[in-house]
């Protein structure tokens, strides 16, 4: 049942993200809107799941499936906050640094050699 919840949520999340980009006819703005709205949604879902307001299947469907497909930035924000809540500030800082710098350097490198 867990896999089905994640898969169904992922299907809907990916369709929503694609639809935003199509409707706005601007990929970067669509991505930014998806990242921002997905981060906000995941923050609410994380808080509700943490406080046991929503059940595991709702979390799997919306938090993992939908938000995971809708945006990866929301997951980054959620994982960073989790480190901070656990008072693992060094891990949070390292995660932020490497999550932002390595992909940017990789993209820069790929563009520079192609």
C-alpha atoms as a PDB file:
ATOM      1  CA  UNK A   1       0.000   0.000   0.000  1.00  0.00           C
ATOM      2  CA  UNK A   2       2.875   2.382   0.788  1.00  0.00           C
ATOM      3  CA  UNK A   3       4.362   2.090  -2.690  1.00  0.00           C
ATOM      4  CA  UNK A   4       0.976   2.756  -4.290  1.00  0.00           C
ATOM      5  CA  UNK A   5       0.513   5.916  -2.200  1.00  0.00           C
ATOM      6  CA  UNK A   6       3.946   7.235  -3.178  1.00  0.00           C
ATOM      7  CA  UNK A   7       3.411   6.309  -6.850  1.00  0.00           C
ATOM      8  CA  UNK A   8      -0.045   7.930  -7.049  1.00  0.00           C
ATOM      9  CA  UNK A   9       1.190  11.081  -5.322  1.00  0.00           C
ATOM     10  CA  UNK A  10       4.244  11.175  -7.572  1.00  0.00           C
ATOM     11  CA  UNK A  11       2.091  10.871 -10.672  1.00  0.00           C
ATOM     12  CA  UNK A  12      -0.063  13.818  -9.621  1.00  0.00           C
ATOM     13  CA  UNK A  13       2.926  15.891  -8.485  1.00  0.00           C
ATOM     14  CA  UNK A  14       4.753  15.482 -11.778  1.00  0.00           C
ATOM     15  CA  UNK A  15       1.622  16.358 -13.773  1.00  0.00           C
ATOM     16  CA  UNK A  16       1.089  19.487 -11.640  1.00  0.00           C
ATOM     17  CA  UNK A  17       4.682  20.617 -12.079  1.00  0.00           C
ATOM     18  CA  UNK A  18       4.513  20.097 -15.841  1.00  0.00           C
ATOM     19  CA  UNK A  19       1.177  21.927 -16.013  1.00  0.00           C
ATOM     20  CA  UNK A  20       2.538  24.991 -14.199  1.00  0.00           C
ATOM     21  CA  UNK A  21       5.396  25.311 -16.682  1.00  0.00           C
ATOM     22  CA  UNK A  22       3.009  24.900 -19.624  1.00  0.00           C
ATOM     23  CA  UNK A  23       0.468  27.398 -18.268  1.00  0.00           C
ATOM     24  CA  UNK A  24       3.087  30.048 -17.561  1.00  0.00           C
ATOM     25  CA  UNK A  25       5.035  29.274 -20.746  1.00  0.00           C
ATOM     26  CA  UNK A  26       8.189  30.036 -18.768  1.00  0.00           C
ATOM     27  CA  UNK A  27      10.226  27.167 -17.427  1.00  0.00           C
ATOM     28  CA  UNK A  28      12.310  29.017 -14.826  1.00  0.00           C
ATOM     29  CA  UNK A  29       9.336  30.834 -13.308  1.00  0.00           C
ATOM     30  CA  UNK A  30       7.363  27.587 -13.314  1.00  0.00           C
ATOM     31  CA  UNK A  31      10.211  25.823 -11.537  1.00  0.00           C
ATOM     32  CA  UNK A  32      10.523  28.641  -9.000  1.00  0.00           C
ATOM     33  CA  UNK A  33       6.777  28.582  -8.293  1.00  0.00           C
ATOM     34  CA  UNK A  34       6.832  24.794  -7.959  1.00  0.00           C
ATOM     35  CA  UNK A  35       9.838  24.936  -5.624  1.00  0.00           C
ATOM     36  CA  UNK A  36       8.324  27.652  -3.451  1.00  0.00           C
ATOM     37  CA  UNK A  37       4.808  26.214  -3.263  1.00  0.00           C
ATOM     38  CA  UNK A  38       6.134  22.680  -2.823  1.00  0.00           C
ATOM     39  CA  UNK A  39       8.371  23.816   0.029  1.00  0.00           C
ATOM     40  CA  UNK A  40       5.464  25.526   1.754  1.00  0.00           C
ATOM     41  CA  UNK A  41       3.211  22.498   1.299  1.00  0.00           C
ATOM     42  CA  UNK A  42       5.875  20.090   2.539  1.00  0.00           C
ATOM     43  CA  UNK A  43       6.529  22.290   5.577  1.00  0.00           C
ATOM     44  CA  UNK A  44       2.861  22.070   6.562  1.00  0.00           C
ATOM     45  CA  UNK A  45       2.757  18.334   5.878  1.00  0.00           C
ATOM     46  CA  UNK A  46       5.947  17.735   7.856  1.00  0.00           C
ATOM     47  CA  UNK A  47       4.572  19.670  10.844  1.00  0.00           C
ATOM     48  CA  UNK A  48       1.253  17.818  10.676  1.00  0.00           C
ATOM     49  CA  UNK A  49       2.966  14.449  10.346  1.00  0.00           C
ATOM     50  CA  UNK A  50       5.378  15.307  13.169  1.00  0.00           C
ATOM     51  CA  UNK A  51       2.407  16.269  15.409  1.00  0.00           C
ATOM     52  CA  UNK A  52       0.444  13.196  14.261  1.00  0.00           C
ATOM     53  CA  UNK A  53      -2.316  15.287  12.670  1.00  0.00           C
ATOM     54  CA  UNK A  54      -2.080  13.300   9.436  1.00  0.00           C
ATOM     55  CA  UNK A  55      -1.535   9.580   9.082  1.00  0.00           C
ATOM     56  CA  UNK A  56       1.293   7.683   7.446  1.00  0.00           C
ATOM     57  CA  UNK A  57      -0.567   7.064   4.170  1.00  0.00           C
ATOM     58  CA  UNK A  58      -1.406  10.763   3.764  1.00  0.00           C
ATOM     59  CA  UNK A  59       2.252  11.602   4.445  1.00  0.00           C
ATOM     60  CA  UNK A  60       3.399   9.036   1.879  1.00  0.00           C
ATOM     61  CA  UNK A  61       0.916  10.245  -0.744  1.00  0.00           C
ATOM     62  CA  UNK A  62       1.357  14.009  -0.310  1.00  0.00           C
ATOM     63  CA  UNK A  63       4.709  14.477   1.418  1.00  0.00           C
ATOM     64  CA  UNK A  64       6.832  11.833  -0.267  1.00  0.00           C
ATOM     65  CA  UNK A  65       4.941  11.195  -3.514  1.00  0.00           C
ATOM     66  CA  UNK A  66       3.359  14.490  -4.519  1.00  0.00           C
ATOM     67  CA  UNK A  67       5.978  16.892  -3.152  1.00  0.00           C
ATOM     68  CA  UNK A  68       8.819  14.595  -4.160  1.00  0.00           C
ATOM     69  CA  UNK A  69       7.712  14.689  -7.792  1.00  0.00           C
ATOM     70  CA  UNK A  70       6.454  18.269  -7.718  1.00  0.00           C
ATOM     71  CA  UNK A  71       9.764  19.619  -6.466  1.00  0.00           C
ATOM     72  CA  UNK A  72      13.031  18.351  -5.086  1.00  0.00           C
ATOM     73  CA  UNK A  73      13.757  21.661  -3.404  1.00  0.00           C
ATOM     74  CA  UNK A  74      11.013  21.041  -0.850  1.00  0.00           C
ATOM     75  CA  UNK A  75      12.721  17.836   0.222  1.00  0.00           C
ATOM     76  CA  UNK A  76      16.028  19.677   0.572  1.00  0.00           C
ATOM     77  CA  UNK A  77      14.364  22.237   2.847  1.00  0.00           C
ATOM     78  CA  UNK A  78      12.642  19.559   4.886  1.00  0.00           C
ATOM     79  CA  UNK A  79      15.835  17.563   5.417  1.00  0.00           C
ATOM     80  CA  UNK A  80      17.759  20.700   6.381  1.00  0.00           C
ATOM     81  CA  UNK A  81      15.138  21.684   8.964  1.00  0.00           C
ATOM     82  CA  UNK A  82      15.233  18.137  10.315  1.00  0.00           C
ATOM     83  CA  UNK A  83      18.989  18.493  10.985  1.00  0.00           C
ATOM     84  CA  UNK A  84      18.368  21.849  12.680  1.00  0.00           C
ATOM     85  CA  UNK A  85      15.564  20.436  14.841  1.00  0.00           C
ATOM     86  CA  UNK A  86      17.956  17.682  15.933  1.00  0.00           C
ATOM     87  CA  UNK A  87      20.514  20.421  16.753  1.00  0.00           C
ATOM     88  CA  UNK A  88      22.926  18.998  14.183  1.00  0.00           C
ATOM     89  CA  UNK A  89      24.006  22.409  12.936  1.00  0.00           C
ATOM     90  CA  UNK A  90      27.253  21.266  11.350  1.00  0.00           C
ATOM     91  CA  UNK A  91      25.414  18.608   9.337  1.00  0.00           C
ATOM     92  CA  UNK A  92      22.786  21.179   8.318  1.00  0.00           C
ATOM     93  CA  UNK A  93      25.466  23.628   7.190  1.00  0.00           C
ATOM     94  CA  UNK A  94      27.390  20.971   5.288  1.00  0.00           C
ATOM     95  CA  UNK A  95      24.199  19.695   3.679  1.00  0.00           C
ATOM     96  CA  UNK A  96      23.271  23.213   2.543  1.00  0.00           C
ATOM     97  CA  UNK A  97      26.762  23.911   1.228  1.00  0.00           C
ATOM     98  CA  UNK A  98      27.193  20.655  -0.670  1.00  0.00           C
ATOM     99  CA  UNK A  99      23.595  20.524  -1.924  1.00  0.00           C
ATOM    100  CA  UNK A 100      23.971  23.936  -3.517  1.00  0.00           C
ATOM    101  CA  UNK A 101      27.618  24.042  -4.557  1.00  0.00           C
ATOM    102  CA  UNK A 102      28.172  20.576  -6.062  1.00  0.00           C
ATOM    103  CA  UNK A 103      25.179  20.627  -8.445  1.00  0.00           C
ATOM    104  CA  UNK A 104      25.985  24.192  -9.512  1.00  0.00           C
ATOM    105  CA  UNK A 105      29.616  23.279 -10.157  1.00  0.00           C
ATOM    106  CA  UNK A 106      28.542  20.177 -12.065  1.00  0.00           C
ATOM    107  CA  UNK A 107      26.178  22.178 -14.274  1.00  0.00           C
ATOM    108  CA  UNK A 108      28.854  24.826 -14.837  1.00  0.00           C
ATOM    109  CA  UNK A 109      31.394  22.145 -15.768  1.00  0.00           C
ATOM    110  CA  UNK A 110      29.009  20.417 -18.167  1.00  0.00           C
ATOM    111  CA  UNK A 111      28.169  23.715 -19.859  1.00  0.00           C
ATOM    112  CA  UNK A 112      31.828  24.675 -20.096  1.00  0.00           C
ATOM    113  CA  UNK A 113      32.863  21.430 -21.837  1.00  0.00           C
ATOM    114  CA  UNK A 114      29.936  21.152 -24.212  1.00  0.00           C
END
